[in-house]
Amino acid sequence: MAVAELGVVVLDCPDPGALARFYADVLGGTVEGEGDWVDLKLPDGRALAFQAAPGFVPPKWPAPDDSQQFHLDLTVTDLDAAEKAVLELGARPLDAEDRTRTFRVYADPAGHPFCLCAC
């Protein structure tokens, strides 16, 4: 028997509203709240939350000596089109040169790594 169920994944960041809007543009959904805690309600009922973290230091990629903490895998049907869209929204490439792979790695505007996956 499970002790708990997953409520929401929370991303620490310097500006919760800005990061929630970035992910709303990538994933769809509705941004709710303001200030130190902002929720992104996704169209399928799931949610991501964003919490202000004073002194936030983004993870490094790749960094064998430092933890990346976690990353999101975002499933897409067209890697090239999705890449163009996330770069226009403010993402930056971390590991996207190898065009033969079924995934590419980017950082969101706060520096969290995420993958676009056509897997």
PDB file of N, CA and C in Angstrom:
ATOM      1  N   MET A   1       0.840  -1.179   0.000  1.00  0.00           N
ATOM      2  CA  MET A   1       0.000   0.000   0.000  1.00  0.00           C
ATOM      3  C   MET A   1       0.883   1.240   0.000  1.00  0.00           C
ATOM      4  N   ALA A   2       0.554   2.187  -0.850  1.00  0.00           N
ATOM      5  CA  ALA A   2       1.329   3.417  -0.952  1.00  0.00           C
ATOM      6  C   ALA A   2       1.094   4.297   0.271  1.00  0.00           C
ATOM      7  N   VAL A   3       2.116   4.982   0.677  1.00  0.00           N
ATOM      8  CA  VAL A   3       2.025   5.906   1.789  1.00  0.00           C
ATOM      9  C   VAL A   3       1.469   7.250   1.327  1.00  0.00           C
ATOM     10  N   ALA A   4       1.779   7.615   0.072  1.00  0.00           N
ATOM     11  CA  ALA A   4       1.364   8.926  -0.437  1.00  0.00           C
ATOM     12  C   ALA A   4       1.162   8.830  -1.933  1.00  0.00           C
ATOM     13  N   GLU A   5       0.640   9.888  -2.514  1.00  0.00           N
ATOM     14  CA  GLU A   5       0.571  10.000  -3.966  1.00  0.00           C
ATOM     15  C   GLU A   5       1.197  11.324  -4.361  1.00  0.00           C
ATOM     16  N   LEU A   6       1.747  11.364  -5.547  1.00  0.00           N
ATOM     17  CA  LEU A   6       2.418  12.559  -6.026  1.00  0.00           C
ATOM     18  C   LEU A   6       1.409  13.678  -6.216  1.00  0.00           C
ATOM     19  N   GLY A   7       1.688  14.823  -5.602  1.00  0.00           N
ATOM     20  CA  GLY A   7       0.819  15.974  -5.747  1.00  0.00           C
ATOM     21  C   GLY A   7       1.222  16.819  -6.939  1.00  0.00           C
ATOM     22  N   VAL A   8       2.392  17.421  -6.883  1.00  0.00           N
ATOM     23  CA  VAL A   8       2.851  18.311  -7.941  1.00  0.00           C
ATOM     24  C   VAL A   8       4.379  18.356  -7.904  1.00  0.00           C
ATOM     25  N   VAL A   9       4.987  18.547  -9.048  1.00  0.00           N
ATOM     26  CA  VAL A   9       6.432  18.797  -9.136  1.00  0.00           C
ATOM     27  C   VAL A   9       6.621  20.305  -9.022  1.00  0.00           C
ATOM     28  N   VAL A  10       7.539  20.726  -8.156  1.00  0.00           N
ATOM     29  CA  VAL A  10       7.774  22.140  -7.897  1.00  0.00           C
ATOM     30  C   VAL A  10       9.187  22.501  -8.344  1.00  0.00           C
ATOM     31  N   LEU A  11       9.297  23.533  -9.175  1.00  0.00           N
ATOM     32  CA  LEU A  11      10.595  24.018  -9.629  1.00  0.00           C
ATOM     33  C   LEU A  11      10.961  25.278  -8.851  1.00  0.00           C
ATOM     34  N   ASP A  12      12.102  25.263  -8.178  1.00  0.00           N
ATOM     35  CA  ASP A  12      12.622  26.480  -7.563  1.00  0.00           C
ATOM     36  C   ASP A  12      13.166  27.375  -8.665  1.00  0.00           C
ATOM     37  N   CYS A  13      13.009  28.686  -8.497  1.00  0.00           N
ATOM     38  CA  CYS A  13      13.453  29.613  -9.532  1.00  0.00           C
ATOM     39  C   CYS A  13      13.446  31.039  -8.991  1.00  0.00           C
ATOM     40  N   PRO A  14      14.082  31.966  -9.691  1.00  0.00           N
ATOM     41  CA  PRO A  14      14.090  33.348  -9.216  1.00  0.00           C
ATOM     42  C   PRO A  14      12.783  34.094  -9.485  1.00  0.00           C
ATOM     43  N   ASP A  15      12.034  33.736 -10.533  1.00  0.00           N
ATOM     44  CA  ASP A  15      10.810  34.443 -10.909  1.00  0.00           C
ATOM     45  C   ASP A  15       9.733  33.426 -11.279  1.00  0.00           C
ATOM     46  N   PRO A  16       8.920  32.996 -10.306  1.00  0.00           N
ATOM     47  CA  PRO A  16       7.919  31.957 -10.572  1.00  0.00           C
ATOM     48  C   PRO A  16       6.942  32.292 -11.694  1.00  0.00           C
ATOM     49  N   GLY A  17       6.482  33.526 -11.764  1.00  0.00           N
ATOM     50  CA  GLY A  17       5.533  33.901 -12.809  1.00  0.00           C
ATOM     51  C   GLY A  17       6.125  33.784 -14.195  1.00  0.00           C
ATOM     52  N   ALA A  18       7.345  34.261 -14.368  1.00  0.00           N
ATOM     53  CA  ALA A  18       7.998  34.211 -15.677  1.00  0.00           C
ATOM     54  C   ALA A  18       8.242  32.769 -16.105  1.00  0.00           C
ATOM     55  N   LEU A  19       8.693  31.928 -15.182  1.00  0.00           N
ATOM     56  CA  LEU A  19       8.976  30.541 -15.553  1.00  0.00           C
ATOM     57  C   LEU A  19       7.675  29.780 -15.822  1.00  0.00           C
ATOM     58  N   ALA A  20       6.627  30.067 -15.068  1.00  0.00           N
ATOM     59  CA  ALA A  20       5.327  29.440 -15.331  1.00  0.00           C
ATOM     60  C   ALA A  20       4.814  29.829 -16.713  1.00  0.00           C
ATOM     61  N   ARG A  21       4.986  31.083 -17.108  1.00  0.00           N
ATOM     62  CA  ARG A  21       4.542  31.514 -18.435  1.00  0.00           C
ATOM     63  C   ARG A  21       5.365  30.833 -19.536  1.00  0.00           C
ATOM     64  N   PHE A  22       6.675  30.650 -19.319  1.00  0.00           N
ATOM     65  CA  PHE A  22       7.511  29.930 -20.283  1.00  0.00           C
ATOM     66  C   PHE A  22       6.942  28.525 -20.504  1.00  0.00           C
ATOM     67  N   TYR A  23       6.698  27.784 -19.409  1.00  0.00           N
ATOM     68  CA  TYR A  23       6.198  26.426 -19.547  1.00  0.00           C
ATOM     69  C   TYR A  23       4.764  26.394 -20.063  1.00  0.00           C
ATOM     70  N   ALA A  24       3.967  27.407 -19.779  1.00  0.00           N
ATOM     71  CA  ALA A  24       2.617  27.481 -20.353  1.00  0.00           C
ATOM     72  C   ALA A  24       2.709  27.628 -21.864  1.00  0.00           C
ATOM     73  N   ASP A  25       3.671  28.408 -22.350  1.00  0.00           N
ATOM     74  CA  ASP A  25       3.854  28.544 -23.794  1.00  0.00           C
ATOM     75  C   ASP A  25       4.354  27.245 -24.418  1.00  0.00           C
ATOM     76  N   VAL A  26       5.130  26.469 -23.683  1.00  0.00           N
ATOM     77  CA  VAL A  26       5.652  25.195 -24.191  1.00  0.00           C
ATOM     78  C   VAL A  26       4.602  24.090 -24.100  1.00  0.00           C
ATOM     79  N   LEU A  27       3.907  23.986 -22.962  1.00  0.00           N
ATOM     80  CA  LEU A  27       3.027  22.850 -22.687  1.00  0.00           C
ATOM     81  C   LEU A  27       1.539  23.165 -22.795  1.00  0.00           C
ATOM     82  N   GLY A  28       1.178  24.432 -22.865  1.00  0.00           N
ATOM     83  CA  GLY A  28      -0.224  24.819 -22.782  1.00  0.00           C
ATOM     84  C   GLY A  28      -0.618  24.948 -21.325  1.00  0.00           C
ATOM     85  N   GLY A  29      -1.861  25.241 -21.083  1.00  0.00           N
ATOM     86  CA  GLY A  29      -2.340  25.326 -19.715  1.00  0.00           C
ATOM     87  C   GLY A  29      -2.572  26.746 -19.255  1.00  0.00           C
ATOM     88  N   THR A  30      -2.916  26.843 -17.973  1.00  0.00           N
ATOM     89  CA  THR A  30      -3.295  28.112 -17.375  1.00  0.00           C
ATOM     90  C   THR A  30      -2.394  28.414 -16.187  1.00  0.00           C
ATOM     91  N   VAL A  31      -1.851  29.619 -16.165  1.00  0.00           N
ATOM     92  CA  VAL A  31      -1.022  30.071 -15.045  1.00  0.00           C
ATOM     93  C   VAL A  31      -1.948  30.634 -13.971  1.00  0.00           C
ATOM     94  N   GLU A  32      -1.766  30.148 -12.736  1.00  0.00           N
ATOM     95  CA  GLU A  32      -2.596  30.592 -11.618  1.00  0.00           C
ATOM     96  C   GLU A  32      -1.713  31.017 -10.460  1.00  0.00           C
ATOM     97  N   GLY A  33      -2.024  32.163  -9.890  1.00  0.00           N
ATOM     98  CA  GLY A  33      -1.285  32.667  -8.740  1.00  0.00           C
ATOM     99  C   GLY A  33      -0.235  33.678  -9.159  1.00  0.00           C
ATOM    100  N   GLU A  34       0.404  34.235  -8.152  1.00  0.00           N
ATOM    101  CA  GLU A  34       1.469  35.215  -8.385  1.00  0.00           C
ATOM    102  C   GLU A  34       2.342  35.277  -7.154  1.00  0.00           C
ATOM    103  N   GLY A  35       3.429  35.994  -7.267  1.00  0.00           N
ATOM    104  CA  GLY A  35       4.322  36.130  -6.126  1.00  0.00           C
ATOM    105  C   GLY A  35       5.266  34.955  -5.990  1.00  0.00           C
ATOM    106  N   ASP A  36       5.392  34.449  -4.758  1.00  0.00           N
ATOM    107  CA  ASP A  36       6.383  33.420  -4.449  1.00  0.00           C
ATOM    108  C   ASP A  36       5.965  32.009  -4.859  1.00  0.00           C
ATOM    109  N   TRP A  37       4.705  31.806  -5.247  1.00  0.00           N
ATOM    110  CA  TRP A  37       4.231  30.474  -5.647  1.00  0.00           C
ATOM    111  C   TRP A  37       3.252  30.637  -6.794  1.00  0.00           C
ATOM    112  N   VAL A  38       3.527  29.967  -7.915  1.00  0.00           N
ATOM    113  CA  VAL A  38       2.660  30.040  -9.082  1.00  0.00           C
ATOM    114  C   VAL A  38       2.438  28.617  -9.594  1.00  0.00           C
ATOM    115  N   ASP A  39       1.191  28.299  -9.945  1.00  0.00           N
ATOM    116  CA  ASP A  39       0.849  26.987 -10.491  1.00  0.00           C
ATOM    117  C   ASP A  39       0.599  27.087 -11.987  1.00  0.00           C
ATOM    118  N   LEU A  40       0.973  26.044 -12.699  1.00  0.00           N
ATOM    119  CA  LEU A  40       0.605  25.885 -14.096  1.00  0.00           C
ATOM    120  C   LEU A  40      -0.303  24.665 -14.166  1.00  0.00           C
ATOM    121  N   LYS A  41      -1.572  24.892 -14.451  1.00  0.00           N
ATOM    122  CA  LYS A  41      -2.538  23.810 -14.594  1.00  0.00           C
ATOM    123  C   LYS A  41      -2.540  23.390 -16.057  1.00  0.00           C
ATOM    124  N   LEU A  42      -2.129  22.161 -16.329  1.00  0.00           N
ATOM    125  CA  LEU A  42      -2.027  21.662 -17.690  1.00  0.00           C
ATOM    126  C   LEU A  42      -3.390  21.200 -18.201  1.00  0.00           C
ATOM    127  N   PRO A  43      -3.577  21.190 -19.518  1.00  0.00           N
ATOM    128  CA  PRO A  43      -4.876  20.809 -20.082  1.00  0.00           C
ATOM    129  C   PRO A  43      -5.360  19.415 -19.668  1.00  0.00           C
ATOM    130  N   ASP A  44      -4.434  18.490 -19.369  1.00  0.00           N
ATOM    131  CA  ASP A  44      -4.837  17.126 -19.013  1.00  0.00           C
ATOM    132  C   ASP A  44      -5.094  16.942 -17.521  1.00  0.00           C
ATOM    133  N   GLY A  45      -5.033  18.051 -16.752  1.00  0.00           N
ATOM    134  CA  GLY A  45      -5.304  17.972 -15.327  1.00  0.00           C
ATOM    135  C   GLY A  45      -4.066  17.931 -14.452  1.00  0.00           C
ATOM    136  N   ARG A  46      -2.934  17.589 -15.029  1.00  0.00           N
ATOM    137  CA  ARG A  46      -1.703  17.605 -14.242  1.00  0.00           C
ATOM    138  C   ARG A  46      -1.267  19.046 -13.998  1.00  0.00           C
ATOM    139  N   ALA A  47      -0.248  19.232 -13.152  1.00  0.00           N
ATOM    140  CA  ALA A  47       0.208  20.581 -12.840  1.00  0.00           C
ATOM    141  C   ALA A  47       1.708  20.600 -12.585  1.00  0.00           C
ATOM    142  N   LEU A  48       2.293  21.745 -12.795  1.00  0.00           N
ATOM    143  CA  LEU A  48       3.650  22.069 -12.358  1.00  0.00           C
ATOM    144  C   LEU A  48       3.522  23.290 -11.468  1.00  0.00           C
ATOM    145  N   ALA A  49       4.381  23.401 -10.479  1.00  0.00           N
ATOM    146  CA  ALA A  49       4.376  24.580  -9.616  1.00  0.00           C
ATOM    147  C   ALA A  49       5.767  25.213  -9.640  1.00  0.00           C
ATOM    148  N   PHE A  50       5.798  26.496  -9.354  1.00  0.00           N
ATOM    149  CA  PHE A  50       7.038  27.271  -9.399  1.00  0.00           C
ATOM    150  C   PHE A  50       7.121  28.083  -8.117  1.00  0.00           C
ATOM    151  N   GLN A  51       8.260  27.960  -7.439  1.00  0.00           N
ATOM    152  CA  GLN A  51       8.433  28.573  -6.130  1.00  0.00           C
ATOM    153  C   GLN A  51       9.651  29.489  -6.150  1.00  0.00           C
ATOM    154  N   ALA A  52       9.494  30.692  -5.610  1.00  0.00           N
ATOM    155  CA  ALA A  52      10.623  31.624  -5.514  1.00  0.00           C
ATOM    156  C   ALA A  52      11.683  31.045  -4.586  1.00  0.00           C
ATOM    157  N   ALA A  53      12.917  31.126  -5.023  1.00  0.00           N
ATOM    158  CA  ALA A  53      14.033  30.614  -4.235  1.00  0.00           C
ATOM    159  C   ALA A  53      15.135  31.671  -4.219  1.00  0.00           C
ATOM    160  N   PRO A  54      15.193  32.482  -3.164  1.00  0.00           N
ATOM    161  CA  PRO A  54      16.265  33.479  -3.082  1.00  0.00           C
ATOM    162  C   PRO A  54      17.627  32.786  -3.143  1.00  0.00           C
ATOM    163  N   GLY A  55      18.515  33.351  -3.911  1.00  0.00           N
ATOM    164  CA  GLY A  55      19.841  32.757  -4.058  1.00  0.00           C
ATOM    165  C   GLY A  55      19.874  31.557  -4.970  1.00  0.00           C
ATOM    166  N   PHE A  56      18.828  31.360  -5.770  1.00  0.00           N
ATOM    167  CA  PHE A  56      18.768  30.214  -6.681  1.00  0.00           C
ATOM    168  C   PHE A  56      20.008  30.155  -7.562  1.00  0.00           C
ATOM    169  N   VAL A  57      20.597  28.977  -7.648  1.00  0.00           N
ATOM    170  CA  VAL A  57      21.726  28.720  -8.536  1.00  0.00           C
ATOM    171  C   VAL A  57      21.291  27.610  -9.485  1.00  0.00           C
ATOM    172  N   PRO A  58      21.256  27.882 -10.802  1.00  0.00           N
ATOM    173  CA  PRO A  58      20.798  26.844 -11.729  1.00  0.00           C
ATOM    174  C   PRO A  58      21.752  25.659 -11.765  1.00  0.00           C
ATOM    175  N   PRO A  59      21.212  24.474 -12.048  1.00  0.00           N
ATOM    176  CA  PRO A  59      22.073  23.302 -12.195  1.00  0.00           C
ATOM    177  C   PRO A  59      22.985  23.451 -13.401  1.00  0.00           C
ATOM    178  N   LYS A  60      24.059  22.684 -13.416  1.00  0.00           N
ATOM    179  CA  LYS A  60      25.009  22.717 -14.522  1.00  0.00           C
ATOM    180  C   LYS A  60      24.809  21.481 -15.388  1.00  0.00           C
ATOM    181  N   TRP A  61      25.025  21.636 -16.684  1.00  0.00           N
ATOM    182  CA  TRP A  61      24.869  20.513 -17.612  1.00  0.00           C
ATOM    183  C   TRP A  61      25.987  20.528 -18.615  1.00  0.00           C
ATOM    184  N   PRO A  62      26.603  19.463 -18.971  1.00  0.00           N
ATOM    185  CA  PRO A  62      26.764  18.315 -18.076  1.00  0.00           C
ATOM    186  C   PRO A  62      27.790  18.682 -17.026  1.00  0.00           C
ATOM    187  N   ALA A  63      27.681  18.127 -15.881  1.00  0.00           N
ATOM    188  CA  ALA A  63      28.595  18.463 -14.798  1.00  0.00           C
ATOM    189  C   ALA A  63      28.820  17.233 -13.926  1.00  0.00           C
ATOM    190  N   PRO A  64      29.853  16.467 -14.216  1.00  0.00           N
ATOM    191  CA  PRO A  64      30.093  15.262 -13.424  1.00  0.00           C
ATOM    192  C   PRO A  64      30.377  15.558 -11.953  1.00  0.00           C
ATOM    193  N   ASP A  65      30.809  16.786 -11.647  1.00  0.00           N
ATOM    194  CA  ASP A  65      31.111  17.142 -10.261  1.00  0.00           C
ATOM    195  C   ASP A  65      29.951  17.824  -9.545  1.00  0.00           C
ATOM    196  N   ASP A  66      28.898  18.179 -10.270  1.00  0.00           N
ATOM    197  CA  ASP A  66      27.742  18.849  -9.687  1.00  0.00           C
ATOM    198  C   ASP A  66      26.475  18.108 -10.095  1.00  0.00           C
ATOM    199  N   SER A  67      25.487  18.148  -9.238  1.00  0.00           N
ATOM    200  CA  SER A  67      24.217  17.486  -9.536  1.00  0.00           C
ATOM    201  C   SER A  67      23.378  18.345 -10.459  1.00  0.00           C
ATOM    202  N   GLN A  68      22.739  17.711 -11.453  1.00  0.00           N
ATOM    203  CA  GLN A  68      21.787  18.440 -12.290  1.00  0.00           C
ATOM    204  C   GLN A  68      20.443  18.543 -11.583  1.00  0.00           C
ATOM    205  N   GLN A  69      20.270  17.876 -10.462  1.00  0.00           N
ATOM    206  CA  GLN A  69      19.073  17.875  -9.622  1.00  0.00           C
ATOM    207  C   GLN A  69      17.955  17.061 -10.251  1.00  0.00           C
ATOM    208  N   PHE A  70      17.452  17.407 -11.402  1.00  0.00           N
ATOM    209  CA  PHE A  70      16.417  16.663 -12.108  1.00  0.00           C
ATOM    210  C   PHE A  70      16.289  17.308 -13.484  1.00  0.00           C
ATOM    211  N   HIS A  71      15.530  16.678 -14.362  1.00  0.00           N
ATOM    212  CA  HIS A  71      15.172  17.333 -15.618  1.00  0.00           C
ATOM    213  C   HIS A  71      13.819  16.815 -16.080  1.00  0.00           C
ATOM    214  N   LEU A  72      13.165  17.585 -16.928  1.00  0.00           N
ATOM    215  CA  LEU A  72      11.879  17.202 -17.490  1.00  0.00           C
ATOM    216  C   LEU A  72      12.092  16.623 -18.880  1.00  0.00           C
ATOM    217  N   ASP A  73      11.410  15.552 -19.212  1.00  0.00           N
ATOM    218  CA  ASP A  73      11.366  15.018 -20.572  1.00  0.00           C
ATOM    219  C   ASP A  73      10.032  15.434 -21.179  1.00  0.00           C
ATOM    220  N   LEU A  74      10.073  16.194 -22.255  1.00  0.00           N
ATOM    221  CA  LEU A  74       8.876  16.680 -22.924  1.00  0.00           C
ATOM    222  C   LEU A  74       8.772  15.996 -24.277  1.00  0.00           C
ATOM    223  N   THR A  75       7.705  15.240 -24.488  1.00  0.00           N
ATOM    224  CA  THR A  75       7.522  14.470 -25.711  1.00  0.00           C
ATOM    225  C   THR A  75       6.989  15.369 -26.823  1.00  0.00           C
ATOM    226  N   VAL A  76       7.622  15.281 -27.996  1.00  0.00           N
ATOM    227  CA  VAL A  76       7.222  16.072 -29.164  1.00  0.00           C
ATOM    228  C   VAL A  76       7.168  15.162 -30.382  1.00  0.00           C
ATOM    229  N   THR A  77       6.465  15.607 -31.422  1.00  0.00           N
ATOM    230  CA  THR A  77       6.418  14.821 -32.655  1.00  0.00           C
ATOM    231  C   THR A  77       7.440  15.303 -33.670  1.00  0.00           C
ATOM    232  N   ASP A  78       7.839  16.567 -33.602  1.00  0.00           N
ATOM    233  CA  ASP A  78       8.789  17.144 -34.560  1.00  0.00           C
ATOM    234  C   ASP A  78       9.865  17.892 -33.781  1.00  0.00           C
ATOM    235  N   LEU A  79      11.039  17.275 -33.656  1.00  0.00           N
ATOM    236  CA  LEU A  79      12.122  17.874 -32.880  1.00  0.00           C
ATOM    237  C   LEU A  79      12.540  19.244 -33.420  1.00  0.00           C
ATOM    238  N   ASP A  80      12.659  19.369 -34.733  1.00  0.00           N
ATOM    239  CA  ASP A  80      13.107  20.639 -35.295  1.00  0.00           C
ATOM    240  C   ASP A  80      12.119  21.765 -35.012  1.00  0.00           C
ATOM    241  N   ALA A  81      10.839  21.507 -35.190  1.00  0.00           N
ATOM    242  CA  ALA A  81       9.816  22.524 -34.929  1.00  0.00           C
ATOM    243  C   ALA A  81       9.757  22.868 -33.448  1.00  0.00           C
ATOM    244  N   ALA A  82       9.834  21.854 -32.591  1.00  0.00           N
ATOM    245  CA  ALA A  82       9.797  22.095 -31.152  1.00  0.00           C
ATOM    246  C   ALA A  82      11.032  22.870 -30.703  1.00  0.00           C
ATOM    247  N   GLU A  83      12.190  22.527 -31.259  1.00  0.00           N
ATOM    248  CA  GLU A  83      13.409  23.253 -30.917  1.00  0.00           C
ATOM    249  C   GLU A  83      13.269  24.729 -31.271  1.00  0.00           C
ATOM    250  N   LYS A  84      12.809  25.001 -32.476  1.00  0.00           N
ATOM    251  CA  LYS A  84      12.629  26.395 -32.905  1.00  0.00           C
ATOM    252  C   LYS A  84      11.721  27.135 -31.933  1.00  0.00           C
ATOM    253  N   ALA A  85      10.624  26.507 -31.535  1.00  0.00           N
ATOM    254  CA  ALA A  85       9.659  27.148 -30.640  1.00  0.00           C
ATOM    255  C   ALA A  85      10.253  27.421 -29.264  1.00  0.00           C
ATOM    256  N   VAL A  86      10.934  26.443 -28.655  1.00  0.00           N
ATOM    257  CA  VAL A  86      11.454  26.677 -27.300  1.00  0.00           C
ATOM    258  C   VAL A  86      12.589  27.696 -27.309  1.00  0.00           C
ATOM    259  N   LEU A  87      13.390  27.731 -28.383  1.00  0.00           N
ATOM    260  CA  LEU A  87      14.447  28.741 -28.463  1.00  0.00           C
ATOM    261  C   LEU A  87      13.841  30.138 -28.573  1.00  0.00           C
ATOM    262  N   GLU A  88      12.769  30.276 -29.344  1.00  0.00           N
ATOM    263  CA  GLU A  88      12.086  31.574 -29.460  1.00  0.00           C
ATOM    264  C   GLU A  88      11.472  32.001 -28.131  1.00  0.00           C
ATOM    265  N   LEU A  89      11.112  31.042 -27.287  1.00  0.00           N
ATOM    266  CA  LEU A  89      10.518  31.343 -25.989  1.00  0.00           C
ATOM    267  C   LEU A  89      11.558  31.645 -24.912  1.00  0.00           C
ATOM    268  N   GLY A  90      12.839  31.453 -25.220  1.00  0.00           N
ATOM    269  CA  GLY A  90      13.878  31.800 -24.254  1.00  0.00           C
ATOM    270  C   GLY A  90      14.720  30.661 -23.746  1.00  0.00           C
ATOM    271  N   ALA A  91      14.494  29.438 -24.238  1.00  0.00           N
ATOM    272  CA  ALA A  91      15.356  28.317 -23.857  1.00  0.00           C
ATOM    273  C   ALA A  91      16.710  28.478 -24.531  1.00  0.00           C
ATOM    274  N   ARG A  92      17.710  27.770 -23.994  1.00  0.00           N
ATOM    275  CA  ARG A  92      19.016  27.751 -24.650  1.00  0.00           C
ATOM    276  C   ARG A  92      19.489  26.307 -24.761  1.00  0.00           C
ATOM    277  N   PRO A  93      20.171  25.992 -25.865  1.00  0.00           N
ATOM    278  CA  PRO A  93      20.623  24.607 -26.044  1.00  0.00           C
ATOM    279  C   PRO A  93      21.737  24.242 -25.071  1.00  0.00           C
ATOM    280  N   LEU A  94      21.671  23.029 -24.555  1.00  0.00           N
ATOM    281  CA  LEU A  94      22.742  22.478 -23.723  1.00  0.00           C
ATOM    282  C   LEU A  94      23.458  21.338 -24.445  1.00  0.00           C
ATOM    283  N   ASP A  95      22.690  20.506 -25.122  1.00  0.00           N
ATOM    284  CA  ASP A  95      23.249  19.349 -25.826  1.00  0.00           C
ATOM    285  C   ASP A  95      22.289  18.999 -26.959  1.00  0.00           C
ATOM    286  N   ALA A  96      22.377  19.762 -28.039  1.00  0.00           N
ATOM    287  CA  ALA A  96      21.424  19.593 -29.136  1.00  0.00           C
ATOM    288  C   ALA A  96      22.102  19.461 -30.491  1.00  0.00           C
ATOM    289  N   GLU A  97      23.405  19.266 -30.507  1.00  0.00           N
ATOM    290  CA  GLU A  97      24.134  19.218 -31.777  1.00  0.00           C
ATOM    291  C   GLU A  97      23.920  17.927 -32.552  1.00  0.00           C
ATOM    292  N   ASP A  98      23.797  16.801 -31.859  1.00  0.00           N
ATOM    293  CA  ASP A  98      23.685  15.502 -32.519  1.00  0.00           C
ATOM    294  C   ASP A  98      22.260  15.317 -33.041  1.00  0.00           C
ATOM    295  N   ARG A  99      22.069  15.532 -34.335  1.00  0.00           N
ATOM    296  CA  ARG A  99      20.744  15.473 -34.943  1.00  0.00           C
ATOM    297  C   ARG A  99      20.295  14.045 -35.247  1.00  0.00           C
ATOM    298  N   THR A 100      21.129  13.042 -34.953  1.00  0.00           N
ATOM    299  CA  THR A 100      20.731  11.655 -35.185  1.00  0.00           C
ATOM    300  C   THR A 100      19.984  11.068 -33.989  1.00  0.00           C
ATOM    301  N   ARG A 101      20.094  11.708 -32.831  1.00  0.00           N
ATOM    302  CA  ARG A 101      19.434  11.194 -31.625  1.00  0.00           C
ATOM    303  C   ARG A 101      17.952  11.550 -31.623  1.00  0.00           C
ATOM    304  N   THR A 102      17.202  10.866 -30.792  1.00  0.00           N
ATOM    305  CA  THR A 102      15.763  11.122 -30.671  1.00  0.00           C
ATOM    306  C   THR A 102      15.456  12.123 -29.557  1.00  0.00           C
ATOM    307  N   PHE A 103      16.474  12.785 -29.009  1.00  0.00           N
ATOM    308  CA  PHE A 103      16.259  13.795 -27.966  1.00  0.00           C
ATOM    309  C   PHE A 103      17.310  14.895 -28.090  1.00  0.00           C
ATOM    310  N   ARG A 104      16.977  16.052 -27.531  1.00  0.00           N
ATOM    311  CA  ARG A 104      17.893  17.193 -27.449  1.00  0.00           C
ATOM    312  C   ARG A 104      17.679  17.849 -26.091  1.00  0.00           C
ATOM    313  N   VAL A 105      18.767  18.395 -25.527  1.00  0.00           N
ATOM    314  CA  VAL A 105      18.716  18.942 -24.174  1.00  0.00           C
ATOM    315  C   VAL A 105      18.831  20.467 -24.222  1.00  0.00           C
ATOM    316  N   TYR A 106      17.986  21.127 -23.438  1.00  0.00           N
ATOM    317  CA  TYR A 106      17.943  22.594 -23.366  1.00  0.00           C
ATOM    318  C   TYR A 106      17.872  23.023 -21.909  1.00  0.00           C
ATOM    319  N   ALA A 107      18.061  24.312 -21.672  1.00  0.00           N
ATOM    320  CA  ALA A 107      17.829  24.906 -20.356  1.00  0.00           C
ATOM    321  C   ALA A 107      16.673  25.884 -20.481  1.00  0.00           C
ATOM    322  N   ASP A 108      15.777  25.862 -19.500  1.00  0.00           N
ATOM    323  CA  ASP A 108      14.711  26.856 -19.488  1.00  0.00           C
ATOM    324  C   ASP A 108      15.300  28.207 -19.074  1.00  0.00           C
ATOM    325  N   PRO A 109      14.533  29.281 -19.070  1.00  0.00           N
ATOM    326  CA  PRO A 109      15.101  30.594 -18.742  1.00  0.00           C
ATOM    327  C   PRO A 109      15.726  30.695 -17.350  1.00  0.00           C
ATOM    328  N   ALA A 110      15.347  29.830 -16.414  1.00  0.00           N
ATOM    329  CA  ALA A 110      15.960  29.831 -15.085  1.00  0.00           C
ATOM    330  C   ALA A 110      17.162  28.894 -15.006  1.00  0.00           C
ATOM    331  N   GLY A 111      17.415  28.117 -16.073  1.00  0.00           N
ATOM    332  CA  GLY A 111      18.572  27.235 -16.106  1.00  0.00           C
ATOM    333  C   GLY A 111      18.298  25.774 -15.845  1.00  0.00           C
ATOM    334  N   HIS A 112      17.034  25.373 -15.596  1.00  0.00           N
ATOM    335  CA  HIS A 112      16.717  23.960 -15.395  1.00  0.00           C
ATOM    336  C   HIS A 112      16.839  23.209 -16.726  1.00  0.00           C
ATOM    337  N   PRO A 113      17.535  22.084 -16.746  1.00  0.00           N
ATOM    338  CA  PRO A 113      17.603  21.308 -17.987  1.00  0.00           C
ATOM    339  C   PRO A 113      16.279  20.608 -18.284  1.00  0.00           C
ATOM    340  N   PHE A 114      15.964  20.518 -19.566  1.00  0.00           N
ATOM    341  CA  PHE A 114      14.828  19.720 -20.023  1.00  0.00           C
ATOM    342  C   PHE A 114      15.163  19.147 -21.391  1.00  0.00           C
ATOM    343  N   CYS A 115      14.539  18.020 -21.708  1.00  0.00           N
ATOM    344  CA  CYS A 115      14.762  17.357 -22.987  1.00  0.00           C
ATOM    345  C   CYS A 115      13.509  17.428 -23.829  1.00  0.00           C
ATOM    346  N   LEU A 116      13.696  17.689 -25.101  1.00  0.00           N
ATOM    347  CA  LEU A 116      12.654  17.463 -26.079  1.00  0.00           C
ATOM    348  C   LEU A 116      12.908  16.065 -26.635  1.00  0.00           C
ATOM    349  N   CYS A 117      11.912  15.208 -26.547  1.00  0.00           N
ATOM    350  CA  CYS A 117      12.087  13.805 -26.929  1.00  0.00           C
ATOM    351  C   CYS A 117      11.070  13.405 -27.981  1.00  0.00           C
ATOM    352  N   ALA A 118      11.577  12.870 -29.080  1.00  0.00           N
ATOM    353  CA  ALA A 118      10.715  12.257 -30.107  1.00  0.00           C
ATOM    354  C   ALA A 118      10.942  10.759 -30.004  1.00  0.00           C
ATOM    355  N   CYS A 119      10.631  10.214 -28.832  1.00  0.00           N
ATOM    356  CA  CYS A 119      10.937   8.823 -28.515  1.00  0.00           C
ATOM    357  C   CYS A 119       9.716   7.947 -28.661  1.00  0.00           C
TER     358      CYS A 119
END
